[in-house]
PDB file of N, CA and C in Angstrom:
ATOM      1  N   MET A   1      63.050 106.115  81.905  1.00  0.00           N
ATOM      2  CA  MET A   1      63.720 106.343  83.485  1.00  0.00           C
ATOM      3  C   MET A   1      62.713 106.009  84.284  1.00  0.00           C
ATOM      4  N   ALA A   2      61.599 106.467  84.213  1.00  0.00           N
ATOM      5  CA  ALA A   2      60.600 105.716  85.303  1.00  0.00           C
ATOM      6  C   ALA A   2      59.642 104.763  85.406  1.00  0.00           C
ATOM      7  N   GLY A   3      59.689 103.749  84.320  1.00  0.00           N
ATOM      8  CA  GLY A   3      59.385 102.694  84.481  1.00  0.00           C
ATOM      9  C   GLY A   3      60.075 101.645  85.073  1.00  0.00           C
ATOM     10  N   ALA A   4      61.803 101.724  85.325  1.00  0.00           N
ATOM     11  CA  ALA A   4      62.656 101.067  85.391  1.00  0.00           C
ATOM     12  C   ALA A   4      62.690 100.981  86.352  1.00  0.00           C
ATOM     13  N   GLY A   5      62.450 102.748  87.475  1.00  0.00           N
ATOM     14  CA  GLY A   5      62.547 103.117  88.800  1.00  0.00           C
ATOM     15  C   GLY A   5      61.307 102.093  89.736  1.00  0.00           C
ATOM     16  N   SER A   6      60.019 102.078  88.572  1.00  0.00           N
ATOM     17  CA  SER A   6      58.564 101.548  89.614  1.00  0.00           C
ATOM     18  C   SER A   6      58.894  99.690  89.594  1.00  0.00           C
ATOM     19  N   GLY A   7      59.641  99.080  88.930  1.00  0.00           N
ATOM     20  CA  GLY A   7      59.682  98.103  88.197  1.00  0.00           C
ATOM     21  C   GLY A   7      60.586  97.260  90.482  1.00  0.00           C
ATOM     22  N   HIS A   8      61.448  98.957  90.175  1.00  0.00           N
ATOM     23  CA  HIS A   8      62.713  98.527  91.351  1.00  0.00           C
ATOM     24  C   HIS A   8      61.451  98.394  92.233  1.00  0.00           C
ATOM     25  N   ASP A   9      60.634  99.792  91.952  1.00  0.00           N
ATOM     26  CA  ASP A   9      59.776  99.664  94.031  1.00  0.00           C
ATOM     27  C   ASP A   9      59.390  98.455  94.183  1.00  0.00           C
ATOM     28  N   LYS A  10      58.156  97.231  92.971  1.00  0.00           N
ATOM     29  CA  LYS A  10      58.015  96.525  93.113  1.00  0.00           C
ATOM     30  C   LYS A  10      58.890  95.295  94.034  1.00  0.00           C
ATOM     31  N   ASN A  11      59.111  95.148  93.220  1.00  0.00           N
ATOM     32  CA  ASN A  11      60.910  94.305  94.129  1.00  0.00           C
ATOM     33  C   ASN A  11      61.311  94.151  96.054  1.00  0.00           C
ATOM     34  N   SER A  12      61.530  95.617  95.829  1.00  0.00           N
ATOM     35  CA  SER A  12      62.041  95.458  96.804  1.00  0.00           C
ATOM     36  C   SER A  12      60.903  95.554  97.674  1.00  0.00           C
ATOM     37  N   GLY A  13      59.370  96.070  97.168  1.00  0.00           N
ATOM     38  CA  GLY A  13      58.750  95.594  98.447  1.00  0.00           C
ATOM     39  C   GLY A  13      58.090  93.872  98.212  1.00  0.00           C
ATOM     40  N   LYS A  14      58.537  93.424  97.558  1.00  0.00           N
ATOM     41  CA  LYS A  14      58.162  92.001  98.053  1.00  0.00           C
ATOM     42  C   LYS A  14      59.420  91.353  98.636  1.00  0.00           C
ATOM     43  N   ASN A  15      60.482  92.229  98.328  1.00  0.00           N
ATOM     44  CA  ASN A  15      61.417  91.884  99.686  1.00  0.00           C
ATOM     45  C   ASN A  15      61.648  92.183 101.275  1.00  0.00           C
ATOM     46  N   GLY A  16      60.527  93.843 100.690  1.00  0.00           N
ATOM     47  CA  GLY A  16      60.502  94.093 102.208  1.00  0.00           C
ATOM     48  C   GLY A  16      59.326  92.784 103.266  1.00  0.00           C
ATOM     49  N   ASN A  17      58.762  92.499 102.504  1.00  0.00           N
ATOM     50  CA  ASN A  17      57.295  91.570 102.877  1.00  0.00           C
ATOM     51  C   ASN A  17      57.870  90.781 103.096  1.00  0.00           C
ATOM     52  N   PHE A  18      59.008  90.050 102.341  1.00  0.00           N
ATOM     53  CA  PHE A  18      59.340  88.815 102.012  1.00  0.00           C
ATOM     54  C   PHE A  18      60.225  87.994 103.886  1.00  0.00           C
ATOM     55  N   LEU A  19      61.183  89.650 104.224  1.00  0.00           N
ATOM     56  CA  LEU A  19      62.154  89.817 105.745  1.00  0.00           C
ATOM     57  C   LEU A  19      60.951  90.016 106.706  1.00  0.00           C
ATOM     58  N   ALA A  20      59.571  91.058 106.389  1.00  0.00           N
ATOM     59  CA  ALA A  20      59.236  91.345 107.650  1.00  0.00           C
ATOM     60  C   ALA A  20      58.208  89.574 107.879  1.00  0.00           C
ATOM     61  N   ASN A  21      58.193  88.679 106.908  1.00  0.00           N
ATOM     62  CA  ASN A  21      57.898  87.147 107.370  1.00  0.00           C
ATOM     63  C   ASN A  21      58.094  86.584 107.814  1.00  0.00           C
ATOM     64  N   SER A  22      60.016  86.256 107.526  1.00  0.00           N
ATOM     65  CA  SER A  22      61.198  85.838 107.368  1.00  0.00           C
ATOM     66  C   SER A  22      61.187  86.016 108.615  1.00  0.00           C
ATOM     67  N   ALA A  23      60.626  87.588 109.312  1.00  0.00           N
ATOM     68  CA  ALA A  23      61.325  87.668 110.980  1.00  0.00           C
ATOM     69  C   ALA A  23      60.272  87.756 111.731  1.00  0.00           C
ATOM     70  N   ARG A  24      59.201  87.940 111.241  1.00  0.00           N
ATOM     71  CA  ARG A  24      58.309  87.373 111.667  1.00  0.00           C
ATOM     72  C   ARG A  24      57.714  85.259 112.593  1.00  0.00           C
ATOM     73  N   GLN A  25      58.633  85.127 111.249  1.00  0.00           N
ATOM     74  CA  GLN A  25      58.554  83.676 111.635  1.00  0.00           C
ATOM     75  C   GLN A  25      59.499  83.045 112.476  1.00  0.00           C
ATOM     76  N   LEU A  26      60.611  83.782 112.664  1.00  0.00           N
ATOM     77  CA  LEU A  26      62.336  83.435 113.367  1.00  0.00           C
ATOM     78  C   LEU A  26      61.337  84.122 114.661  1.00  0.00           C
ATOM     79  N   GLN A  27      60.936  85.352 115.002  1.00  0.00           N
ATOM     80  CA  GLN A  27      59.458  85.432 116.062  1.00  0.00           C
ATOM     81  C   GLN A  27      59.390  83.988 116.854  1.00  0.00           C
ATOM     82  N   GLU A  28      58.251  83.883 115.859  1.00  0.00           N
ATOM     83  CA  GLU A  28      57.254  82.859 116.810  1.00  0.00           C
ATOM     84  C   GLU A  28      58.332  82.398 116.878  1.00  0.00           C
ATOM     85  N   ASN A  29      58.895  81.064 115.919  1.00  0.00           N
ATOM     86  CA  ASN A  29      59.594  79.989 116.121  1.00  0.00           C
ATOM     87  C   ASN A  29      60.304  79.895 117.988  1.00  0.00           C
ATOM     88  N   ALA A  30      61.291  80.960 118.035  1.00  0.00           N
ATOM     89  CA  ALA A  30      61.695  81.740 118.976  1.00  0.00           C
ATOM     90  C   ALA A  30      60.748  81.260 120.236  1.00  0.00           C
ATOM     91  N   GLU A  31      60.336  81.877 120.674  1.00  0.00           N
ATOM     92  CA  GLU A  31      59.001  81.810 120.947  1.00  0.00           C
ATOM     93  C   GLU A  31      58.304  80.606 121.397  1.00  0.00           C
ATOM     94  N   ARG A  32      58.074  79.604 120.217  1.00  0.00           N
ATOM     95  CA  ARG A  32      57.325  79.336 120.997  1.00  0.00           C
ATOM     96  C   ARG A  32      58.584  77.653 121.567  1.00  0.00           C
ATOM     97  N   ALA A  33      59.685  77.441 121.014  1.00  0.00           N
ATOM     98  CA  ALA A  33      60.987  76.841 121.068  1.00  0.00           C
ATOM     99  C   ALA A  33      61.796  77.290 123.175  1.00  0.00           C
ATOM    100  N   GLY A  34      61.182  78.651 123.756  1.00  0.00           N
ATOM    101  CA  GLY A  34      61.881  79.024 124.480  1.00  0.00           C
ATOM    102  C   GLY A  34      61.495  77.841 125.864  1.00  0.00           C
ATOM    103  N   PRO A  35      59.722  77.762 126.406  1.00  0.00           N
ATOM    104  CA  PRO A  35      61.022  76.819 127.597  1.00  0.00           C
ATOM    105  C   PRO A  35      61.369  75.293 126.499  1.00  0.00           C
ATOM    106  N   ALA A  36      60.873  74.817 126.230  1.00  0.00           N
ATOM    107  CA  ALA A  36      62.284  73.756 125.606  1.00  0.00           C
ATOM    108  C   ALA A  36      63.857  73.889 125.685  1.00  0.00           C
ATOM    109  N   ALA A  37      64.390  74.916 125.193  1.00  0.00           N
ATOM    110  CA  ALA A  37      65.543  75.542 125.562  1.00  0.00           C
ATOM    111  C   ALA A  37      65.451  75.683 127.204  1.00  0.00           C
ATOM    112  N   GLY A  38      64.831  76.763 127.682  1.00  0.00           N
ATOM    113  CA  GLY A  38      64.609  76.356 129.536  1.00  0.00           C
ATOM    114  C   GLY A  38      64.864  74.804 130.128  1.00  0.00           C
ATOM    115  N   ALA A  39      64.604  74.621 129.168  1.00  0.00           N
ATOM    116  CA  ALA A  39      64.521  73.117 130.545  1.00  0.00           C
ATOM    117  C   ALA A  39      64.875  72.183 129.818  1.00  0.00           C
ATOM    118  N   SER A  40      65.559  72.571 129.275  1.00  0.00           N
ATOM    119  CA  SER A  40      67.606  71.533 128.362  1.00  0.00           C
ATOM    120  C   SER A  40      68.665  72.392 128.985  1.00  0.00           C
ATOM    121  N   TYR A  41      68.752  73.892 128.954  1.00  0.00           N
ATOM    122  CA  TYR A  41      69.304  74.101 130.309  1.00  0.00           C
ATOM    123  C   TYR A  41      69.290  73.786 131.580  1.00  0.00           C
ATOM    124  N   THR A  42      68.140  73.766 132.268  1.00  0.00           N
ATOM    125  CA  THR A  42      68.408  73.153 133.437  1.00  0.00           C
ATOM    126  C   THR A  42      68.248  71.820 133.890  1.00  0.00           C
ATOM    127  N   LEU A  43      68.585  70.882 132.409  1.00  0.00           N
ATOM    128  CA  LEU A  43      68.564  69.835 132.618  1.00  0.00           C
ATOM    129  C   LEU A  43      69.918  69.384 132.644  1.00  0.00           C
ATOM    130  N   ILE A  44      71.368  70.129 132.009  1.00  0.00           N
ATOM    131  CA  ILE A  44      73.077  69.916 131.328  1.00  0.00           C
ATOM    132  C   ILE A  44      72.955  70.869 132.858  1.00  0.00           C
ATOM    133  N   GLY A  45      72.710  71.499 133.286  1.00  0.00           N
ATOM    134  CA  GLY A  45      72.976  72.673 134.502  1.00  0.00           C
ATOM    135  C   GLY A  45      72.920  71.607 135.436  1.00  0.00           C
ATOM    136  N   ALA A  46      71.425  70.710 136.214  1.00  0.00           N
ATOM    137  CA  ALA A  46      71.464  70.380 137.103  1.00  0.00           C
ATOM    138  C   ALA A  46      72.491  69.248 137.230  1.00  0.00           C
ATOM    139  N   ILE A  47      73.250  68.524 136.100  1.00  0.00           N
ATOM    140  CA  ILE A  47      73.786  67.282 135.729  1.00  0.00           C
ATOM    141  C   ILE A  47      74.843  68.218 135.885  1.00  0.00           C
ATOM    142  N   ILE A  48      75.003  69.286 135.877  1.00  0.00           N
ATOM    143  CA  ILE A  48      76.566  69.186 135.714  1.00  0.00           C
ATOM    144  C   ILE A  48      76.834  70.031 137.443  1.00  0.00           C
ATOM    145  N   VAL A  49      75.890  70.989 137.795  1.00  0.00           N
ATOM    146  CA  VAL A  49      76.078  71.698 139.439  1.00  0.00           C
ATOM    147  C   VAL A  49      76.337  70.676 140.630  1.00  0.00           C
ATOM    148  N   LEU A  50      75.346  69.330 140.163  1.00  0.00           N
ATOM    149  CA  LEU A  50      74.953  68.417 141.159  1.00  0.00           C
ATOM    150  C   LEU A  50      76.483  67.522 141.094  1.00  0.00           C
ATOM    151  N   GLY A  51      77.028  66.961 139.472  1.00  0.00           N
ATOM    152  CA  GLY A  51      77.428  66.241 139.964  1.00  0.00           C
ATOM    153  C   GLY A  51      79.412  67.278 140.346  1.00  0.00           C
ATOM    154  N   GLY A  52      79.348  68.236 140.441  1.00  0.00           N
ATOM    155  CA  GLY A  52      79.851  69.200 141.161  1.00  0.00           C
ATOM    156  C   GLY A  52      80.286  69.324 142.321  1.00  0.00           C
ATOM    157  N   ILE A  53      79.454  69.657 142.725  1.00  0.00           N
ATOM    158  CA  ILE A  53      79.207  69.006 144.391  1.00  0.00           C
ATOM    159  C   ILE A  53      79.302  67.676 145.209  1.00  0.00           C
ATOM    160  N   GLY A  54      78.925  66.630 143.890  1.00  0.00           N
ATOM    161  CA  GLY A  54      79.022  65.179 144.643  1.00  0.00           C
ATOM    162  C   GLY A  54      80.868  65.218 144.097  1.00  0.00           C
ATOM    163  N   TYR A  55      81.305  65.949 143.550  1.00  0.00           N
ATOM    164  CA  TYR A  55      82.564  65.764 143.167  1.00  0.00           C
ATOM    165  C   TYR A  55      83.711  66.320 144.339  1.00  0.00           C
ATOM    166  N   ALA A  56      83.114  67.818 144.799  1.00  0.00           N
ATOM    167  CA  ALA A  56      83.689  68.390 145.578  1.00  0.00           C
ATOM    168  C   ALA A  56      83.586  67.345 146.551  1.00  0.00           C
ATOM    169  N   LEU A  57      82.445  67.091 147.429  1.00  0.00           N
ATOM    170  CA  LEU A  57      82.053  65.792 148.649  1.00  0.00           C
ATOM    171  C   LEU A  57      83.444  64.691 148.445  1.00  0.00           C
ATOM    172  N   ASP A  58      83.226  64.420 147.399  1.00  0.00           N
ATOM    173  CA  ASP A  58      84.217  63.082 147.626  1.00  0.00           C
ATOM    174  C   ASP A  58      85.881  63.673 147.801  1.00  0.00           C
ATOM    175  N   ARG A  59      86.165  64.693 147.179  1.00  0.00           N
ATOM    176  CA  ARG A  59      87.554  65.323 146.673  1.00  0.00           C
ATOM    177  C   ARG A  59      87.766  65.602 149.016  1.00  0.00           C
ATOM    178  N   TRP A  60      87.369  66.021 149.466  1.00  0.00           N
ATOM    179  CA  TRP A  60      87.020  66.674 150.933  1.00  0.00           C
ATOM    180  C   TRP A  60      86.509  65.033 152.203  1.00  0.00           C
ATOM    181  N   GLN A  61      85.680  64.492 151.601  1.00  0.00           N
ATOM    182  CA  GLN A  61      85.763  63.048 152.319  1.00  0.00           C
ATOM    183  C   GLN A  61      86.235  61.307 152.516  1.00  0.00           C
ATOM    184  N   GLY A  62      86.563  61.821 151.017  1.00  0.00           N
ATOM    185  CA  GLY A  62      87.888  60.784 150.339  1.00  0.00           C
ATOM    186  C   GLY A  62      86.435  59.799 150.528  1.00  0.00           C
ATOM    187  N   THR A  63      85.586  59.880 149.349  1.00  0.00           N
ATOM    188  CA  THR A  63      84.937  58.929 148.843  1.00  0.00           C
ATOM    189  C   THR A  63      84.622  58.806 148.170  1.00  0.00           C
ATOM    190  N   THR A  64      85.182  58.627 147.370  1.00  0.00           N
ATOM    191  CA  THR A  64      85.542  58.452 145.729  1.00  0.00           C
ATOM    192  C   THR A  64      85.131  56.770 145.274  1.00  0.00           C
ATOM    193  N   PRO A  65      84.187  56.836 144.658  1.00  0.00           N
ATOM    194  CA  PRO A  65      83.690  58.058 143.677  1.00  0.00           C
ATOM    195  C   PRO A  65      81.852  58.301 143.883  1.00  0.00           C
ATOM    196  N   TRP A  66      81.271  57.670 145.316  1.00  0.00           N
ATOM    197  CA  TRP A  66      80.439  57.836 146.052  1.00  0.00           C
ATOM    198  C   TRP A  66      79.658  58.894 145.979  1.00  0.00           C
ATOM    199  N   GLY A  67      80.138  59.977 145.994  1.00  0.00           N
ATOM    200  CA  GLY A  67      79.853  62.047 146.061  1.00  0.00           C
ATOM    201  C   GLY A  67      79.056  62.293 144.587  1.00  0.00           C
ATOM    202  N   LEU A  68      80.206  61.703 143.389  1.00  0.00           N
ATOM    203  CA  LEU A  68      80.108  62.039 142.417  1.00  0.00           C
ATOM    204  C   LEU A  68      78.600  61.086 141.202  1.00  0.00           C
ATOM    205  N   LEU A  69      79.190  59.905 141.619  1.00  0.00           N
ATOM    206  CA  LEU A  69      77.374  59.467 141.811  1.00  0.00           C
ATOM    207  C   LEU A  69      76.448  59.302 142.133  1.00  0.00           C
ATOM    208  N   GLY A  70      76.180  60.019 143.597  1.00  0.00           N
ATOM    209  CA  GLY A  70      75.025  59.917 143.923  1.00  0.00           C
ATOM    210  C   GLY A  70      74.531  61.887 143.712  1.00  0.00           C
ATOM    211  N   GLY A  71      75.701  62.674 142.793  1.00  0.00           N
ATOM    212  CA  GLY A  71      75.707  63.634 142.527  1.00  0.00           C
ATOM    213  C   GLY A  71      75.235  63.777 141.040  1.00  0.00           C
ATOM    214  N   LEU A  72      75.327  63.177 140.409  1.00  0.00           N
ATOM    215  CA  LEU A  72      75.424  63.051 139.018  1.00  0.00           C
ATOM    216  C   LEU A  72      74.267  62.334 139.026  1.00  0.00           C
ATOM    217  N   SER A  73      73.218  61.326 139.801  1.00  0.00           N
ATOM    218  CA  SER A  73      72.002  60.806 139.640  1.00  0.00           C
ATOM    219  C   SER A  73      71.512  61.770 140.539  1.00  0.00           C
ATOM    220  N   LEU A  74      71.384  62.392 141.100  1.00  0.00           N
ATOM    221  CA  LEU A  74      70.690  63.587 141.769  1.00  0.00           C
ATOM    222  C   LEU A  74      70.120  64.405 140.379  1.00  0.00           C
ATOM    223  N   GLY A  75      71.526  64.602 140.046  1.00  0.00           N
ATOM    224  CA  GLY A  75      71.098  65.553 138.965  1.00  0.00           C
ATOM    225  C   GLY A  75      69.940  65.567 137.903  1.00  0.00           C
ATOM    226  N   LEU A  76      70.268  64.298 137.742  1.00  0.00           N
ATOM    227  CA  LEU A  76      69.852  63.697 136.417  1.00  0.00           C
ATOM    228  C   LEU A  76      67.900  63.506 136.977  1.00  0.00           C
ATOM    229  N   VAL A  77      67.530  63.050 138.095  1.00  0.00           N
ATOM    230  CA  VAL A  77      66.205  62.839 138.673  1.00  0.00           C
ATOM    231  C   VAL A  77      65.462  65.106 138.671  1.00  0.00           C
ATOM    232  N   VAL A  78      66.607  65.564 139.072  1.00  0.00           N
ATOM    233  CA  VAL A  78      66.253  67.312 139.004  1.00  0.00           C
ATOM    234  C   VAL A  78      65.989  67.576 137.809  1.00  0.00           C
ATOM    235  N   GLY A  79      66.582  67.142 136.504  1.00  0.00           N
ATOM    236  CA  GLY A  79      67.104  67.871 135.483  1.00  0.00           C
ATOM    237  C   GLY A  79      66.028  67.297 134.450  1.00  0.00           C
ATOM    238  N   PHE A  80      65.525  66.233 134.659  1.00  0.00           N
ATOM    239  CA  PHE A  80      63.750  65.294 133.754  1.00  0.00           C
ATOM    240  C   PHE A  80      63.095  65.533 134.518  1.00  0.00           C
ATOM    241  N   TYR A  81      63.101  66.148 135.981  1.00  0.00           N
ATOM    242  CA  TYR A  81      61.707  66.534 136.262  1.00  0.00           C
ATOM    243  C   TYR A  81      61.475  67.962 136.132  1.00  0.00           C
ATOM    244  N   GLU A  82      61.956  68.686 135.463  1.00  0.00           N
ATOM    245  CA  GLU A  82      62.523  70.577 134.971  1.00  0.00           C
ATOM    246  C   GLU A  82      61.726  69.687 134.197  1.00  0.00           C
ATOM    247  N   LEU A  83      62.339  68.806 132.846  1.00  0.00           N
ATOM    248  CA  LEU A  83      61.784  68.917 131.772  1.00  0.00           C
ATOM    249  C   LEU A  83      60.720  68.424 131.662  1.00  0.00           C
ATOM    250  N   ALA A  84      60.229  67.129 132.487  1.00  0.00           N
ATOM    251  CA  ALA A  84      58.830  66.941 132.446  1.00  0.00           C
ATOM    252  C   ALA A  84      57.887  67.715 132.626  1.00  0.00           C
ATOM    253  N   LYS A  85      58.337  69.060 134.070  1.00  0.00           N
ATOM    254  CA  LYS A  85      57.132  69.345 134.238  1.00  0.00           C
ATOM    255  C   LYS A  85      56.976  70.522 133.049  1.00  0.00           C
ATOM    256  N   SER A  86      57.689  71.107 132.170  1.00  0.00           N
ATOM    257  CA  SER A  86      58.166  71.651 130.192  1.00  0.00           C
ATOM    258  C   SER A  86      57.315  71.223 129.184  1.00  0.00           C
ATOM    259  N   VAL A  87      57.464  69.757 129.333  1.00  0.00           N
ATOM    260  CA  VAL A  87      56.605  69.628 128.344  1.00  0.00           C
ATOM    261  C   VAL A  87      54.794  69.184 128.854  1.00  0.00           C
ATOM    262  N   TRP A  88      55.062  68.898 130.292  1.00  0.00           N
ATOM    263  CA  TRP A  88      53.514  68.322 130.119  1.00  0.00           C
ATOM    264  C   TRP A  88      53.083  69.531 130.665  1.00  0.00           C
ATOM    265  N   ARG A  89      53.714  71.216 130.818  1.00  0.00           N
ATOM    266  CA  ARG A  89      52.222  71.866 130.687  1.00  0.00           C
ATOM    267  C   ARG A  89      51.475  72.281 130.351  1.00  0.00           C
ATOM    268  N   LYS A  90      52.018  72.146 128.573  1.00  0.00           N
ATOM    269  CA  LYS A  90      50.775  72.665 128.022  1.00  0.00           C
ATOM    270  C   LYS A  90      49.830  71.223 127.507  1.00  0.00           C
TER     271      LYS A  90
END
């Protein structure tokens, strides 16, 4: 009986090591991906927010589609600028 228990302890030690290494690797990957993920959210957010402002301006002024196109264009410029800043920072 004692031999069976010690074999189980060896496997649980290996599993614990495996889980600890997996958790550490996951944390490292998440830390490395953080700036890129933030930049992608900034890109999407800039396009949506500035496009929405352009759309609202169009509705208010009756200049469809120029405000929307201008807002989307400005959103792309701002978003890609922020993306480039995060990529070239390294």
